[in-house]
Amino acid sequence: MPMETELSRIGISLPKNLLDRFDEIITIRGYSSRSEGIRDAIRNYITYYRWMSDVKGERQGVITMIYDHDQRGLLPMLTDIQHDFMGIIQASLHSHVSHNRCLEVILVHGDGTQLKDLAERLMSQKGVESVKLTTIPIDE
């Protein structure tokens, strides 16, 4: 990444529990400020996005997703999205982590573009905390 010299100020709104968890992490990792931690998190997000952009061709993979099953309307939406992609979903495993948090693991196989589309659709839903797509190319 090019050297960052010019700074811009932004304002963001975060739920208190998310900010508290972030503050714990930046303290443990020894960041000098929240801003430094946020810059690092944004760099990692950009790197992950670029990596996902390179997912092409036939792939086998797994999507891991953590979500709040109490989020109004989320479960039917996740089901609808998965039905839209049933041609690439091979299996899924659902686990109740706590009273309101669930972990879902989805085994996928197909074109990398479709795998990314599925992951991004899931990721964009309110109540979904985390989505991670991990894939490998299919060698013929």
N, C-alpha and C. Protein backbone atom coordinates (compact mmCIF):
# COMPACT_ATOMS: atom_id res chain seq x y z
N MET A 1 0.84 -1.19 0.00
CA MET A 1 0.00 0.00 0.00
C MET A 1 0.88 1.25 0.00
N PRO A 2 0.45 2.29 -0.72
CA PRO A 2 1.24 3.52 -0.70
C PRO A 2 1.27 4.13 0.70
N MET A 3 2.29 4.91 0.95
CA MET A 3 2.43 5.57 2.26
C MET A 3 1.26 6.53 2.48
N GLU A 4 0.68 6.50 3.66
CA GLU A 4 -0.44 7.36 3.98
C GLU A 4 0.09 8.61 4.65
N THR A 5 -0.12 9.76 4.00
CA THR A 5 0.41 10.99 4.56
C THR A 5 -0.70 11.98 4.93
N GLU A 6 -1.70 12.09 4.08
CA GLU A 6 -2.77 13.04 4.34
C GLU A 6 -3.88 12.34 5.11
N LEU A 7 -4.27 12.91 6.24
CA LEU A 7 -5.30 12.31 7.08
C LEU A 7 -6.64 12.98 6.86
N SER A 8 -7.70 12.19 6.91
CA SER A 8 -9.07 12.70 6.85
C SER A 8 -9.78 12.27 8.12
N ARG A 9 -10.61 13.13 8.65
CA ARG A 9 -11.40 12.81 9.83
C ARG A 9 -12.77 12.31 9.42
N ILE A 10 -13.22 11.24 10.10
CA ILE A 10 -14.56 10.71 9.85
C ILE A 10 -15.24 10.48 11.19
N GLY A 11 -16.52 10.36 11.16
CA GLY A 11 -17.28 10.00 12.35
C GLY A 11 -18.06 8.74 12.05
N ILE A 12 -18.11 7.83 13.01
CA ILE A 12 -18.87 6.59 12.82
C ILE A 12 -19.69 6.32 14.07
N SER A 13 -20.77 5.60 13.90
CA SER A 13 -21.60 5.18 15.02
C SER A 13 -21.48 3.67 15.15
N LEU A 14 -21.21 3.21 16.37
CA LEU A 14 -21.05 1.78 16.63
C LEU A 14 -21.85 1.40 17.86
N PRO A 15 -22.37 0.17 17.88
CA PRO A 15 -23.00 -0.31 19.12
C PRO A 15 -21.94 -0.36 20.23
N LYS A 16 -22.34 -0.06 21.44
CA LYS A 16 -21.39 0.00 22.56
C LYS A 16 -20.63 -1.31 22.75
N ASN A 17 -21.32 -2.45 22.63
CA ASN A 17 -20.63 -3.72 22.85
C ASN A 17 -19.55 -3.97 21.79
N LEU A 18 -19.78 -3.52 20.55
CA LEU A 18 -18.78 -3.67 19.50
C LEU A 18 -17.57 -2.78 19.79
N LEU A 19 -17.81 -1.55 20.19
CA LEU A 19 -16.72 -0.64 20.52
C LEU A 19 -15.94 -1.15 21.74
N ASP A 20 -16.64 -1.67 22.74
CA ASP A 20 -15.97 -2.21 23.92
C ASP A 20 -15.05 -3.37 23.54
N ARG A 21 -15.52 -4.27 22.68
CA ARG A 21 -14.69 -5.40 22.24
C ARG A 21 -13.50 -4.91 21.43
N PHE A 22 -13.73 -3.91 20.58
CA PHE A 22 -12.64 -3.34 19.79
C PHE A 22 -11.60 -2.71 20.71
N ASP A 23 -12.05 -1.94 21.71
CA ASP A 23 -11.12 -1.32 22.66
C ASP A 23 -10.27 -2.36 23.40
N GLU A 24 -10.88 -3.48 23.76
CA GLU A 24 -10.13 -4.56 24.42
C GLU A 24 -9.01 -5.06 23.51
N ILE A 25 -9.34 -5.25 22.25
CA ILE A 25 -8.37 -5.78 21.29
C ILE A 25 -7.24 -4.79 21.06
N ILE A 26 -7.56 -3.51 20.89
CA ILE A 26 -6.47 -2.56 20.64
C ILE A 26 -5.57 -2.40 21.86
N THR A 27 -6.13 -2.59 23.04
CA THR A 27 -5.31 -2.55 24.26
C THR A 27 -4.38 -3.76 24.30
N ILE A 28 -4.94 -4.94 24.05
CA ILE A 28 -4.13 -6.18 24.06
C ILE A 28 -3.03 -6.11 23.01
N ARG A 29 -3.37 -5.60 21.83
CA ARG A 29 -2.40 -5.55 20.73
C ARG A 29 -1.44 -4.38 20.85
N GLY A 30 -1.68 -3.46 21.78
CA GLY A 30 -0.73 -2.38 22.03
C GLY A 30 -0.82 -1.20 21.08
N TYR A 31 -1.98 -0.98 20.48
CA TYR A 31 -2.13 0.19 19.62
C TYR A 31 -2.07 1.45 20.47
N SER A 32 -1.56 2.51 19.87
CA SER A 32 -1.46 3.77 20.60
C SER A 32 -2.79 4.51 20.67
N SER A 33 -3.73 4.15 19.78
CA SER A 33 -5.03 4.85 19.76
C SER A 33 -6.06 4.02 19.01
N ARG A 34 -7.32 4.40 19.19
CA ARG A 34 -8.38 3.77 18.41
C ARG A 34 -8.15 4.00 16.92
N SER A 35 -7.72 5.21 16.58
CA SER A 35 -7.50 5.54 15.17
C SER A 35 -6.51 4.57 14.54
N GLU A 36 -5.44 4.25 15.23
CA GLU A 36 -4.44 3.32 14.69
C GLU A 36 -5.06 1.93 14.51
N GLY A 37 -5.86 1.50 15.46
CA GLY A 37 -6.54 0.21 15.35
C GLY A 37 -7.53 0.19 14.20
N ILE A 38 -8.27 1.28 14.03
CA ILE A 38 -9.23 1.36 12.93
C ILE A 38 -8.50 1.37 11.59
N ARG A 39 -7.40 2.11 11.48
CA ARG A 39 -6.62 2.12 10.24
C ARG A 39 -6.16 0.70 9.89
N ASP A 40 -5.68 -0.04 10.90
CA ASP A 40 -5.22 -1.41 10.67
C ASP A 40 -6.39 -2.31 10.24
N ALA A 41 -7.54 -2.14 10.90
CA ALA A 41 -8.72 -2.94 10.54
C ALA A 41 -9.15 -2.64 9.11
N ILE A 42 -9.12 -1.39 8.71
CA ILE A 42 -9.50 -1.02 7.34
C ILE A 42 -8.51 -1.59 6.34
N ARG A 43 -7.22 -1.53 6.64
CA ARG A 43 -6.21 -2.14 5.76
C ARG A 43 -6.49 -3.63 5.58
N ASN A 44 -6.79 -4.32 6.69
CA ASN A 44 -7.09 -5.76 6.61
C ASN A 44 -8.35 -6.01 5.79
N TYR A 45 -9.35 -5.18 5.94
CA TYR A 45 -10.59 -5.31 5.17
C TYR A 45 -10.31 -5.15 3.67
N ILE A 46 -9.50 -4.16 3.33
CA ILE A 46 -9.15 -3.92 1.93
C ILE A 46 -8.38 -5.11 1.37
N THR A 47 -7.45 -5.64 2.13
CA THR A 47 -6.68 -6.81 1.70
C THR A 47 -7.60 -8.00 1.47
N TYR A 48 -8.53 -8.24 2.40
CA TYR A 48 -9.48 -9.35 2.27
C TYR A 48 -10.36 -9.14 1.04
N TYR A 49 -10.82 -7.93 0.81
CA TYR A 49 -11.67 -7.64 -0.35
C TYR A 49 -10.90 -7.91 -1.65
N ARG A 50 -9.65 -7.48 -1.70
CA ARG A 50 -8.82 -7.75 -2.90
C ARG A 50 -8.64 -9.25 -3.09
N TRP A 51 -8.40 -9.98 -2.00
CA TRP A 51 -8.24 -11.43 -2.10
C TRP A 51 -9.52 -12.06 -2.64
N MET A 52 -10.65 -11.62 -2.14
CA MET A 52 -11.92 -12.17 -2.62
C MET A 52 -12.15 -11.83 -4.08
N SER A 53 -11.65 -10.70 -4.54
CA SER A 53 -11.81 -10.31 -5.94
C SER A 53 -11.07 -11.27 -6.87
N ASP A 54 -10.05 -11.96 -6.36
CA ASP A 54 -9.27 -12.89 -7.17
C ASP A 54 -9.84 -14.30 -7.19
N VAL A 55 -10.96 -14.53 -6.53
CA VAL A 55 -11.57 -15.86 -6.50
C VAL A 55 -12.30 -16.07 -7.82
N LYS A 56 -11.65 -16.84 -8.70
CA LYS A 56 -12.21 -17.08 -10.04
C LYS A 56 -12.08 -18.56 -10.38
N GLY A 57 -12.88 -19.00 -11.36
CA GLY A 57 -12.81 -20.38 -11.81
C GLY A 57 -13.53 -21.32 -10.86
N GLU A 58 -13.42 -22.61 -11.15
CA GLU A 58 -14.09 -23.61 -10.32
C GLU A 58 -13.38 -23.73 -8.97
N ARG A 59 -14.16 -23.66 -7.90
CA ARG A 59 -13.60 -23.65 -6.54
C ARG A 59 -14.44 -24.55 -5.63
N GLN A 60 -13.78 -25.07 -4.63
CA GLN A 60 -14.44 -25.76 -3.50
C GLN A 60 -14.17 -24.89 -2.29
N GLY A 61 -15.14 -24.76 -1.42
CA GLY A 61 -14.89 -23.89 -0.28
C GLY A 61 -15.89 -24.04 0.83
N VAL A 62 -15.71 -23.17 1.81
CA VAL A 62 -16.58 -23.14 2.97
C VAL A 62 -16.86 -21.68 3.32
N ILE A 63 -18.10 -21.43 3.69
CA ILE A 63 -18.49 -20.12 4.21
C ILE A 63 -18.82 -20.32 5.67
N THR A 64 -18.19 -19.55 6.54
CA THR A 64 -18.55 -19.57 7.96
C THR A 64 -19.28 -18.26 8.27
N MET A 65 -20.37 -18.38 8.99
CA MET A 65 -21.21 -17.22 9.26
C MET A 65 -21.68 -17.25 10.71
N ILE A 66 -21.59 -16.12 11.37
CA ILE A 66 -22.11 -15.96 12.73
C ILE A 66 -23.21 -14.91 12.66
N TYR A 67 -24.33 -15.22 13.26
CA TYR A 67 -25.44 -14.27 13.19
C TYR A 67 -26.33 -14.36 14.43
N ASP A 68 -27.14 -13.31 14.59
CA ASP A 68 -28.09 -13.20 15.69
C ASP A 68 -29.44 -13.72 15.20
N HIS A 69 -29.83 -14.91 15.66
CA HIS A 69 -31.08 -15.48 15.14
C HIS A 69 -32.32 -14.75 15.67
N ASP A 70 -32.15 -13.86 16.64
CA ASP A 70 -33.27 -13.06 17.12
C ASP A 70 -33.51 -11.81 16.27
N GLN A 71 -32.60 -11.53 15.32
CA GLN A 71 -32.77 -10.37 14.44
C GLN A 71 -34.03 -10.57 13.59
N ARG A 72 -34.94 -9.65 13.70
CA ARG A 72 -36.23 -9.75 13.02
C ARG A 72 -36.06 -9.93 11.51
N GLY A 73 -36.67 -10.98 10.97
CA GLY A 73 -36.68 -11.23 9.54
C GLY A 73 -35.41 -11.85 8.97
N LEU A 74 -34.39 -12.06 9.81
CA LEU A 74 -33.11 -12.56 9.30
C LEU A 74 -33.18 -14.01 8.85
N LEU A 75 -33.77 -14.89 9.66
CA LEU A 75 -33.79 -16.31 9.31
C LEU A 75 -34.48 -16.58 7.96
N PRO A 76 -35.65 -16.03 7.70
CA PRO A 76 -36.25 -16.25 6.38
C PRO A 76 -35.39 -15.68 5.25
N MET A 77 -34.73 -14.55 5.50
CA MET A 77 -33.88 -13.95 4.47
C MET A 77 -32.67 -14.84 4.18
N LEU A 78 -32.03 -15.39 5.22
CA LEU A 78 -30.89 -16.28 5.02
C LEU A 78 -31.32 -17.54 4.27
N THR A 79 -32.50 -18.05 4.59
CA THR A 79 -33.02 -19.23 3.90
C THR A 79 -33.27 -18.91 2.42
N ASP A 80 -33.89 -17.76 2.15
CA ASP A 80 -34.15 -17.37 0.76
C ASP A 80 -32.86 -17.22 -0.03
N ILE A 81 -31.85 -16.59 0.58
CA ILE A 81 -30.56 -16.41 -0.11
C ILE A 81 -29.95 -17.78 -0.42
N GLN A 82 -29.97 -18.68 0.56
CA GLN A 82 -29.38 -20.00 0.32
C GLN A 82 -30.17 -20.76 -0.75
N HIS A 83 -31.47 -20.59 -0.80
CA HIS A 83 -32.25 -21.24 -1.86
C HIS A 83 -31.89 -20.66 -3.23
N ASP A 84 -31.60 -19.36 -3.28
CA ASP A 84 -31.18 -18.74 -4.54
C ASP A 84 -29.86 -19.33 -5.05
N PHE A 85 -29.04 -19.88 -4.13
CA PHE A 85 -27.73 -20.41 -4.49
C PHE A 85 -27.66 -21.93 -4.29
N MET A 86 -28.79 -22.61 -4.33
CA MET A 86 -28.77 -24.04 -4.03
C MET A 86 -27.96 -24.85 -5.03
N GLY A 87 -27.67 -24.31 -6.20
CA GLY A 87 -26.85 -25.01 -7.18
C GLY A 87 -25.39 -25.11 -6.78
N ILE A 88 -24.94 -24.26 -5.86
CA ILE A 88 -23.54 -24.30 -5.43
C ILE A 88 -23.38 -24.75 -3.98
N ILE A 89 -24.47 -24.79 -3.23
CA ILE A 89 -24.39 -25.21 -1.82
C ILE A 89 -24.51 -26.73 -1.76
N GLN A 90 -23.51 -27.37 -1.17
CA GLN A 90 -23.51 -28.82 -1.06
C GLN A 90 -24.09 -29.29 0.27
N ALA A 91 -23.81 -28.55 1.33
CA ALA A 91 -24.30 -28.93 2.66
C ALA A 91 -24.15 -27.74 3.59
N SER A 92 -24.88 -27.79 4.70
CA SER A 92 -24.69 -26.76 5.73
C SER A 92 -24.84 -27.40 7.10
N LEU A 93 -24.18 -26.77 8.06
CA LEU A 93 -24.20 -27.22 9.44
C LEU A 93 -24.53 -26.02 10.31
N HIS A 94 -25.48 -26.18 11.18
CA HIS A 94 -25.95 -25.08 12.04
C HIS A 94 -25.67 -25.44 13.49
N SER A 95 -25.11 -24.48 14.23
CA SER A 95 -24.83 -24.70 15.64
C SER A 95 -25.29 -23.51 16.46
N HIS A 96 -25.93 -23.79 17.58
CA HIS A 96 -26.37 -22.73 18.50
C HIS A 96 -25.22 -22.43 19.45
N VAL A 97 -24.64 -21.25 19.33
CA VAL A 97 -23.49 -20.85 20.15
C VAL A 97 -23.95 -20.34 21.50
N SER A 98 -25.01 -19.57 21.50
CA SER A 98 -25.59 -19.05 22.74
C SER A 98 -27.09 -18.90 22.50
N HIS A 99 -27.77 -18.26 23.44
CA HIS A 99 -29.22 -18.11 23.32
C HIS A 99 -29.62 -17.45 22.01
N ASN A 100 -28.87 -16.44 21.57
CA ASN A 100 -29.28 -15.72 20.36
C ASN A 100 -28.25 -15.75 19.23
N ARG A 101 -27.06 -16.33 19.44
CA ARG A 101 -26.04 -16.36 18.39
C ARG A 101 -25.92 -17.77 17.81
N CYS A 102 -25.81 -17.81 16.47
CA CYS A 102 -25.66 -19.08 15.77
C CYS A 102 -24.43 -19.03 14.89
N LEU A 103 -23.84 -20.20 14.69
CA LEU A 103 -22.74 -20.39 13.76
C LEU A 103 -23.24 -21.32 12.67
N GLU A 104 -23.05 -20.91 11.44
CA GLU A 104 -23.44 -21.75 10.32
C GLU A 104 -22.22 -21.94 9.43
N VAL A 105 -22.02 -23.18 9.00
CA VAL A 105 -20.93 -23.54 8.10
C VAL A 105 -21.58 -24.08 6.83
N ILE A 106 -21.23 -23.48 5.69
CA ILE A 106 -21.86 -23.85 4.42
C ILE A 106 -20.76 -24.34 3.48
N LEU A 107 -20.88 -25.57 3.03
CA LEU A 107 -19.94 -26.16 2.08
C LEU A 107 -20.40 -25.80 0.67
N VAL A 108 -19.51 -25.20 -0.12
CA VAL A 108 -19.87 -24.72 -1.45
C VAL A 108 -18.92 -25.26 -2.52
N HIS A 109 -19.44 -25.36 -3.73
CA HIS A 109 -18.64 -25.80 -4.87
C HIS A 109 -19.23 -25.16 -6.12
N GLY A 110 -18.38 -24.48 -6.88
CA GLY A 110 -18.86 -23.85 -8.11
C GLY A 110 -17.92 -22.77 -8.57
N ASP A 111 -18.43 -21.90 -9.44
CA ASP A 111 -17.63 -20.80 -9.96
C ASP A 111 -17.34 -19.79 -8.84
N GLY A 112 -16.10 -19.34 -8.79
CA GLY A 112 -15.68 -18.42 -7.74
C GLY A 112 -16.54 -17.17 -7.64
N THR A 113 -16.99 -16.68 -8.78
CA THR A 113 -17.84 -15.49 -8.78
C THR A 113 -19.14 -15.75 -8.04
N GLN A 114 -19.73 -16.92 -8.25
CA GLN A 114 -20.97 -17.27 -7.56
C GLN A 114 -20.72 -17.43 -6.06
N LEU A 115 -19.59 -18.03 -5.69
CA LEU A 115 -19.27 -18.20 -4.26
C LEU A 115 -19.14 -16.84 -3.59
N LYS A 116 -18.46 -15.91 -4.25
CA LYS A 116 -18.32 -14.56 -3.71
C LYS A 116 -19.68 -13.87 -3.59
N ASP A 117 -20.50 -14.03 -4.63
CA ASP A 117 -21.83 -13.41 -4.60
C ASP A 117 -22.65 -13.91 -3.41
N LEU A 118 -22.60 -15.21 -3.17
CA LEU A 118 -23.32 -15.78 -2.02
C LEU A 118 -22.78 -15.19 -0.72
N ALA A 119 -21.46 -15.20 -0.55
CA ALA A 119 -20.86 -14.67 0.68
C ALA A 119 -21.23 -13.20 0.89
N GLU A 120 -21.20 -12.42 -0.17
CA GLU A 120 -21.49 -10.99 -0.04
C GLU A 120 -22.97 -10.75 0.25
N ARG A 121 -23.86 -11.54 -0.32
CA ARG A 121 -25.29 -11.41 -0.01
C ARG A 121 -25.54 -11.72 1.46
N LEU A 122 -24.91 -12.80 1.96
CA LEU A 122 -25.07 -13.14 3.37
C LEU A 122 -24.50 -12.05 4.27
N MET A 123 -23.33 -11.55 3.89
CA MET A 123 -22.61 -10.55 4.68
C MET A 123 -23.40 -9.26 4.83
N SER A 124 -24.21 -8.92 3.83
CA SER A 124 -24.88 -7.63 3.83
C SER A 124 -26.16 -7.60 4.67
N GLN A 125 -26.54 -8.71 5.27
CA GLN A 125 -27.79 -8.77 6.02
C GLN A 125 -27.63 -8.23 7.44
N LYS A 126 -28.59 -7.43 7.87
CA LYS A 126 -28.58 -6.90 9.23
C LYS A 126 -28.76 -8.06 10.20
N GLY A 127 -27.87 -8.15 11.19
CA GLY A 127 -27.91 -9.23 12.17
C GLY A 127 -26.83 -10.27 11.92
N VAL A 128 -26.20 -10.21 10.75
CA VAL A 128 -25.08 -11.10 10.46
C VAL A 128 -23.82 -10.42 10.98
N GLU A 129 -23.16 -11.07 11.92
CA GLU A 129 -21.96 -10.49 12.55
C GLU A 129 -20.71 -10.71 11.72
N SER A 130 -20.60 -11.89 11.12
CA SER A 130 -19.37 -12.24 10.45
C SER A 130 -19.64 -13.27 9.36
N VAL A 131 -18.98 -13.08 8.22
CA VAL A 131 -19.01 -14.06 7.13
C VAL A 131 -17.59 -14.17 6.60
N LYS A 132 -17.13 -15.40 6.46
CA LYS A 132 -15.80 -15.61 5.89
C LYS A 132 -15.87 -16.70 4.85
N LEU A 133 -15.37 -16.38 3.67
CA LEU A 133 -15.31 -17.34 2.57
C LEU A 133 -13.87 -17.81 2.43
N THR A 134 -13.68 -19.12 2.45
CA THR A 134 -12.37 -19.72 2.23
C THR A 134 -12.53 -20.72 1.10
N THR A 135 -11.68 -20.60 0.05
CA THR A 135 -11.81 -21.50 -1.09
C THR A 135 -10.45 -22.01 -1.55
N ILE A 136 -10.52 -23.09 -2.31
CA ILE A 136 -9.35 -23.61 -3.00
C ILE A 136 -9.75 -23.89 -4.43
N PRO A 137 -8.81 -23.72 -5.38
CA PRO A 137 -9.14 -24.05 -6.78
C PRO A 137 -9.25 -25.54 -6.97
N ILE A 138 -10.07 -25.93 -7.93
CA ILE A 138 -10.21 -27.34 -8.28
C ILE A 138 -9.18 -27.65 -9.37
N ASP A 139 -8.24 -28.53 -9.08
CA ASP A 139 -7.24 -28.93 -10.06
C ASP A 139 -7.79 -30.10 -10.86
N GLU A 140 -7.67 -29.98 -12.15
CA GLU A 140 -8.18 -31.07 -13.00
C GLU A 140 -7.05 -31.89 -13.53
